[in-house]
Structure formats: structure tokens, C-alpha cells
Amino acid sequence: TGRFIRRFSIDELPQLFNVLKADMSLVGPRPPLPREVAEYTLLDRKRLHVMPGITCLWQVKGRSDIPFDEQVQLDMQYIKSSSFWKDIKILLMTIPAVISGKGAY
């Protein structure tokens, strides 16, 4: 049961309440773990200055299959070039990423 819930990201659904409370957005860098923040460079810490999101660029490009440093790079790329239409594209790309379950561990 747990494997199914994780594979299809059902465990992420409660984060929608955070979006409704305006604590998170639908698209943006994923909230980091404290151990991840410890690995950030000063430049990487810019990730902490934007609202976290439920989905992001690295979520749709491979999820946990992407190494941490590439995840940070993709988040920084998103921050530098975010737009409404890019967010729509990421949201649409999230659907097949969730359905396939690839990279969800």
C-alpha cells in the first residue's frame, strides 16, 4: 500500500492545503530538508527566497533519479526564468510524471 501511495504521489495531496493557505504554490522549488540546506552554496540559498511548490522542474524531469546538484541547478534555472506559461507547462508535465511513477522513491 505504501509503495503505491508513494509511486503515485498520493502522499503529496495534503500539500494542497498549504497551497490554499498560501504557504506554498503549485509550482516552485520543493521545500528542502535541513540536511540539503547544509549542502547549499551561498548562491544555492536563493532557493530559500522563493515560495516552495508542490511540483518543479526537476520533479517533471526525473524526480529522485536526478542527482542533488542537478536538482539545485534546475531550481535555480526555474527561479531565473519563471513565468505563468512556464508554470502551466510544468503543471501539465507533472501529470505524466506522476502517472508513470518514475523516480518516485
N, C-alpha and C. Protein backbone atom coordinates (compact mmCIF):
# COMPACT_ATOMS: atom_id res chain seq x y z
N THR A 1 0.83 -1.19 0.00
CA THR A 1 0.00 0.00 0.00
C THR A 1 0.88 1.26 0.00
N GLY A 2 1.88 1.27 0.87
CA GLY A 2 2.77 2.43 0.96
C GLY A 2 3.51 2.68 -0.34
N ARG A 3 3.95 1.62 -0.99
CA ARG A 3 4.67 1.75 -2.26
C ARG A 3 3.76 2.39 -3.32
N PHE A 4 2.50 1.97 -3.35
CA PHE A 4 1.52 2.52 -4.29
C PHE A 4 1.30 4.01 -4.01
N ILE A 5 1.10 4.33 -2.74
CA ILE A 5 0.85 5.72 -2.35
C ILE A 5 2.03 6.61 -2.74
N ARG A 6 3.25 6.14 -2.51
CA ARG A 6 4.44 6.92 -2.85
C ARG A 6 4.63 7.01 -4.36
N ARG A 7 4.45 5.89 -5.06
CA ARG A 7 4.69 5.86 -6.51
C ARG A 7 3.80 6.86 -7.23
N PHE A 8 2.56 6.98 -6.83
CA PHE A 8 1.63 7.88 -7.50
C PHE A 8 1.46 9.21 -6.76
N SER A 9 2.38 9.49 -5.84
CA SER A 9 2.46 10.77 -5.13
C SER A 9 1.19 11.15 -4.38
N ILE A 10 0.43 10.17 -3.97
CA ILE A 10 -0.78 10.44 -3.19
C ILE A 10 -0.41 11.10 -1.86
N ASP A 11 0.78 10.79 -1.36
CA ASP A 11 1.23 11.38 -0.11
C ASP A 11 1.47 12.89 -0.23
N GLU A 12 1.49 13.41 -1.44
CA GLU A 12 1.69 14.84 -1.66
C GLU A 12 0.38 15.64 -1.60
N LEU A 13 -0.76 14.96 -1.67
CA LEU A 13 -2.05 15.65 -1.70
C LEU A 13 -2.30 16.60 -0.52
N PRO A 14 -1.88 16.25 0.71
CA PRO A 14 -2.11 17.20 1.81
C PRO A 14 -1.43 18.55 1.60
N GLN A 15 -0.42 18.60 0.72
CA GLN A 15 0.23 19.88 0.46
C GLN A 15 -0.70 20.86 -0.24
N LEU A 16 -1.78 20.36 -0.83
CA LEU A 16 -2.75 21.27 -1.44
C LEU A 16 -3.35 22.21 -0.40
N PHE A 17 -3.47 21.74 0.85
CA PHE A 17 -3.94 22.62 1.93
C PHE A 17 -2.96 23.77 2.14
N ASN A 18 -1.66 23.48 2.01
CA ASN A 18 -0.65 24.54 2.14
C ASN A 18 -0.76 25.54 1.00
N VAL A 19 -1.14 25.08 -0.18
CA VAL A 19 -1.36 25.99 -1.30
C VAL A 19 -2.56 26.88 -1.00
N LEU A 20 -3.63 26.30 -0.50
CA LEU A 20 -4.83 27.08 -0.17
C LEU A 20 -4.56 28.10 0.93
N LYS A 21 -3.65 27.76 1.86
CA LYS A 21 -3.27 28.68 2.94
C LYS A 21 -2.24 29.71 2.47
N ALA A 22 -1.77 29.58 1.25
CA ALA A 22 -0.76 30.45 0.65
C ALA A 22 0.62 30.28 1.30
N ASP A 23 0.86 29.11 1.87
CA ASP A 23 2.19 28.79 2.39
C ASP A 23 3.07 28.18 1.30
N MET A 24 2.43 27.67 0.25
CA MET A 24 3.13 27.05 -0.87
C MET A 24 2.42 27.47 -2.15
N SER A 25 3.12 27.26 -3.27
CA SER A 25 2.47 27.45 -4.57
C SER A 25 2.39 26.10 -5.26
N LEU A 26 1.69 26.03 -6.36
CA LEU A 26 1.63 24.78 -7.10
C LEU A 26 2.98 24.46 -7.73
N VAL A 27 3.65 25.49 -8.26
CA VAL A 27 4.94 25.30 -8.91
C VAL A 27 5.99 26.17 -8.23
N GLY A 28 7.13 25.57 -7.96
CA GLY A 28 8.25 26.28 -7.34
C GLY A 28 9.21 25.26 -6.80
N PRO A 29 10.37 25.68 -6.33
CA PRO A 29 11.32 24.72 -5.77
C PRO A 29 10.70 23.94 -4.62
N ARG A 30 10.98 22.66 -4.58
CA ARG A 30 10.45 21.84 -3.49
C ARG A 30 11.05 22.30 -2.16
N PRO A 31 10.28 22.22 -1.06
CA PRO A 31 10.83 22.61 0.23
C PRO A 31 12.02 21.70 0.57
N PRO A 32 13.15 22.28 0.93
CA PRO A 32 14.32 21.46 1.21
C PRO A 32 14.33 20.88 2.62
N LEU A 33 15.05 19.80 2.75
CA LEU A 33 15.30 19.22 4.06
C LEU A 33 16.47 19.96 4.70
N PRO A 34 16.55 20.03 6.02
CA PRO A 34 17.67 20.73 6.66
C PRO A 34 19.04 20.20 6.21
N ARG A 35 19.16 18.91 6.00
CA ARG A 35 20.46 18.36 5.57
C ARG A 35 20.80 18.83 4.15
N GLU A 36 19.79 19.12 3.34
CA GLU A 36 20.04 19.64 2.00
C GLU A 36 20.52 21.09 2.07
N VAL A 37 19.90 21.88 2.93
CA VAL A 37 20.28 23.29 3.08
C VAL A 37 21.74 23.38 3.52
N ALA A 38 22.18 22.45 4.34
CA ALA A 38 23.57 22.44 4.80
C ALA A 38 24.54 22.27 3.64
N GLU A 39 24.09 21.69 2.54
CA GLU A 39 24.95 21.47 1.37
C GLU A 39 24.89 22.64 0.37
N TYR A 40 24.02 23.61 0.58
CA TYR A 40 23.87 24.72 -0.35
C TYR A 40 25.09 25.64 -0.32
N THR A 41 25.41 26.17 -1.50
CA THR A 41 26.36 27.28 -1.56
C THR A 41 25.56 28.55 -1.27
N LEU A 42 26.24 29.67 -1.15
CA LEU A 42 25.53 30.94 -0.93
C LEU A 42 24.58 31.23 -2.09
N LEU A 43 25.00 30.92 -3.30
CA LEU A 43 24.15 31.14 -4.47
C LEU A 43 22.92 30.22 -4.43
N ASP A 44 23.13 28.96 -4.01
CA ASP A 44 22.02 28.00 -3.93
C ASP A 44 20.96 28.43 -2.92
N ARG A 45 21.35 29.20 -1.94
CA ARG A 45 20.41 29.62 -0.90
C ARG A 45 19.31 30.54 -1.43
N LYS A 46 19.47 31.00 -2.67
CA LYS A 46 18.41 31.80 -3.29
C LYS A 46 17.13 30.98 -3.42
N ARG A 47 17.27 29.67 -3.42
CA ARG A 47 16.09 28.80 -3.47
C ARG A 47 15.17 29.07 -2.28
N LEU A 48 15.77 29.50 -1.19
CA LEU A 48 15.00 29.71 0.05
C LEU A 48 14.24 31.03 0.03
N HIS A 49 14.49 31.88 -0.95
CA HIS A 49 13.86 33.19 -1.02
C HIS A 49 12.58 33.20 -1.85
N VAL A 50 12.25 32.07 -2.44
CA VAL A 50 11.02 31.98 -3.23
C VAL A 50 10.07 30.98 -2.55
N MET A 51 8.80 31.16 -2.84
CA MET A 51 7.80 30.28 -2.24
C MET A 51 7.99 28.85 -2.76
N PRO A 52 8.03 27.88 -1.86
CA PRO A 52 8.17 26.49 -2.31
C PRO A 52 6.92 26.02 -3.04
N GLY A 53 7.08 25.01 -3.86
CA GLY A 53 5.96 24.49 -4.63
C GLY A 53 5.79 22.99 -4.48
N ILE A 54 4.65 22.51 -4.92
CA ILE A 54 4.37 21.07 -4.90
C ILE A 54 5.12 20.36 -6.01
N THR A 55 5.23 21.01 -7.16
CA THR A 55 5.96 20.43 -8.28
C THR A 55 6.97 21.45 -8.79
N CYS A 56 7.96 20.95 -9.50
CA CYS A 56 9.01 21.82 -10.01
C CYS A 56 9.64 21.18 -11.24
N LEU A 57 10.62 21.86 -11.76
CA LEU A 57 11.26 21.41 -12.98
C LEU A 57 11.90 20.02 -12.82
N TRP A 58 12.62 19.81 -11.71
CA TRP A 58 13.27 18.50 -11.58
C TRP A 58 12.28 17.40 -11.24
N GLN A 59 11.13 17.74 -10.74
CA GLN A 59 10.09 16.74 -10.49
C GLN A 59 9.59 16.15 -11.82
N VAL A 60 9.50 16.98 -12.84
CA VAL A 60 8.98 16.50 -14.12
C VAL A 60 10.08 15.96 -15.02
N LYS A 61 11.34 16.20 -14.66
CA LYS A 61 12.45 15.72 -15.49
C LYS A 61 13.11 14.47 -14.95
N GLY A 62 12.60 13.90 -13.86
CA GLY A 62 13.20 12.66 -13.37
C GLY A 62 13.07 12.42 -11.87
N ARG A 63 12.55 13.39 -11.16
CA ARG A 63 12.31 13.26 -9.73
C ARG A 63 13.58 12.83 -8.99
N SER A 64 13.48 11.81 -8.18
CA SER A 64 14.61 11.39 -7.35
C SER A 64 15.73 10.73 -8.13
N ASP A 65 15.53 10.47 -9.41
CA ASP A 65 16.59 9.92 -10.24
C ASP A 65 17.64 10.97 -10.60
N ILE A 66 17.31 12.24 -10.36
CA ILE A 66 18.22 13.33 -10.67
C ILE A 66 19.10 13.59 -9.45
N PRO A 67 20.42 13.65 -9.64
CA PRO A 67 21.31 13.94 -8.50
C PRO A 67 21.01 15.30 -7.87
N PHE A 68 21.33 15.42 -6.59
CA PHE A 68 21.01 16.62 -5.82
C PHE A 68 21.55 17.89 -6.49
N ASP A 69 22.78 17.89 -6.95
CA ASP A 69 23.34 19.11 -7.53
C ASP A 69 22.58 19.52 -8.79
N GLU A 70 22.08 18.56 -9.56
CA GLU A 70 21.26 18.89 -10.74
C GLU A 70 19.89 19.41 -10.32
N GLN A 71 19.35 18.88 -9.23
CA GLN A 71 18.08 19.38 -8.73
C GLN A 71 18.21 20.86 -8.37
N VAL A 72 19.30 21.20 -7.70
CA VAL A 72 19.55 22.59 -7.32
C VAL A 72 19.69 23.46 -8.57
N GLN A 73 20.44 22.97 -9.57
CA GLN A 73 20.61 23.72 -10.82
C GLN A 73 19.28 23.96 -11.52
N LEU A 74 18.43 22.92 -11.58
CA LEU A 74 17.13 23.08 -12.22
C LEU A 74 16.25 24.07 -11.46
N ASP A 75 16.32 24.04 -10.12
CA ASP A 75 15.56 25.02 -9.34
C ASP A 75 16.05 26.44 -9.61
N MET A 76 17.37 26.60 -9.69
CA MET A 76 17.92 27.93 -9.96
C MET A 76 17.53 28.40 -11.36
N GLN A 77 17.52 27.48 -12.31
CA GLN A 77 17.08 27.79 -13.67
C GLN A 77 15.63 28.25 -13.67
N TYR A 78 14.79 27.55 -12.90
CA TYR A 78 13.37 27.92 -12.80
C TYR A 78 13.23 29.33 -12.20
N ILE A 79 13.96 29.59 -11.12
CA ILE A 79 13.86 30.88 -10.44
C ILE A 79 14.23 32.02 -11.38
N LYS A 80 15.27 31.83 -12.19
CA LYS A 80 15.74 32.88 -13.10
C LYS A 80 14.78 33.13 -14.26
N SER A 81 14.00 32.11 -14.62
CA SER A 81 13.17 32.27 -15.83
C SER A 81 11.71 31.90 -15.60
N SER A 82 11.24 32.01 -14.38
CA SER A 82 9.85 31.62 -14.11
C SER A 82 8.87 32.56 -14.81
N SER A 83 7.76 31.98 -15.21
CA SER A 83 6.68 32.75 -15.83
C SER A 83 5.38 31.96 -15.68
N PHE A 84 4.29 32.64 -15.89
CA PHE A 84 2.98 31.99 -15.81
C PHE A 84 2.90 30.81 -16.77
N TRP A 85 3.34 31.01 -18.02
CA TRP A 85 3.23 29.96 -19.03
C TRP A 85 4.17 28.80 -18.74
N LYS A 86 5.33 29.10 -18.19
CA LYS A 86 6.25 28.02 -17.81
C LYS A 86 5.63 27.19 -16.67
N ASP A 87 4.96 27.87 -15.74
CA ASP A 87 4.28 27.15 -14.65
C ASP A 87 3.19 26.24 -15.21
N ILE A 88 2.43 26.73 -16.17
CA ILE A 88 1.38 25.91 -16.80
C ILE A 88 2.01 24.68 -17.45
N LYS A 89 3.10 24.89 -18.16
CA LYS A 89 3.81 23.78 -18.82
C LYS A 89 4.28 22.75 -17.80
N ILE A 90 4.87 23.21 -16.69
CA ILE A 90 5.34 22.29 -15.65
C ILE A 90 4.17 21.53 -15.04
N LEU A 91 3.05 22.22 -14.79
CA LEU A 91 1.87 21.55 -14.25
C LEU A 91 1.39 20.45 -15.20
N LEU A 92 1.36 20.75 -16.49
CA LEU A 92 0.93 19.74 -17.47
C LEU A 92 1.93 18.58 -17.57
N MET A 93 3.21 18.87 -17.44
CA MET A 93 4.23 17.83 -17.47
C MET A 93 4.21 16.97 -16.21
N THR A 94 3.64 17.51 -15.13
CA THR A 94 3.57 16.78 -13.87
C THR A 94 2.63 15.58 -13.98
N ILE A 95 1.58 15.71 -14.76
CA ILE A 95 0.58 14.63 -14.88
C ILE A 95 1.22 13.33 -15.36
N PRO A 96 1.92 13.31 -16.51
CA PRO A 96 2.55 12.03 -16.91
C PRO A 96 3.66 11.59 -15.96
N ALA A 97 4.36 12.56 -15.33
CA ALA A 97 5.41 12.19 -14.39
C ALA A 97 4.83 11.44 -13.19
N VAL A 98 3.68 11.89 -12.71
CA VAL A 98 3.03 11.23 -11.57
C VAL A 98 2.45 9.88 -11.99
N ILE A 99 1.82 9.84 -13.15
CA ILE A 99 1.21 8.60 -13.61
C ILE A 99 2.26 7.51 -13.84
N SER A 100 3.40 7.89 -14.41
CA SER A 100 4.45 6.90 -14.66
C SER A 100 5.11 6.44 -13.36
N GLY A 101 5.15 7.31 -12.38
CA GLY A 101 5.77 6.96 -11.10
C GLY A 101 7.28 6.85 -11.17
N LYS A 102 7.87 7.18 -12.30
CA LYS A 102 9.32 7.08 -12.47
C LYS A 102 10.04 8.05 -11.54
N GLY A 103 10.99 7.56 -10.79
CA GLY A 103 11.79 8.40 -9.90
C GLY A 103 11.15 8.69 -8.56
N ALA A 104 9.98 8.13 -8.29
CA ALA A 104 9.30 8.36 -7.01
C ALA A 104 9.70 7.26 -6.03
N TYR A 105 10.55 7.63 -5.07
CA TYR A 105 11.02 6.63 -4.08
C TYR A 105 10.62 7.03 -2.69
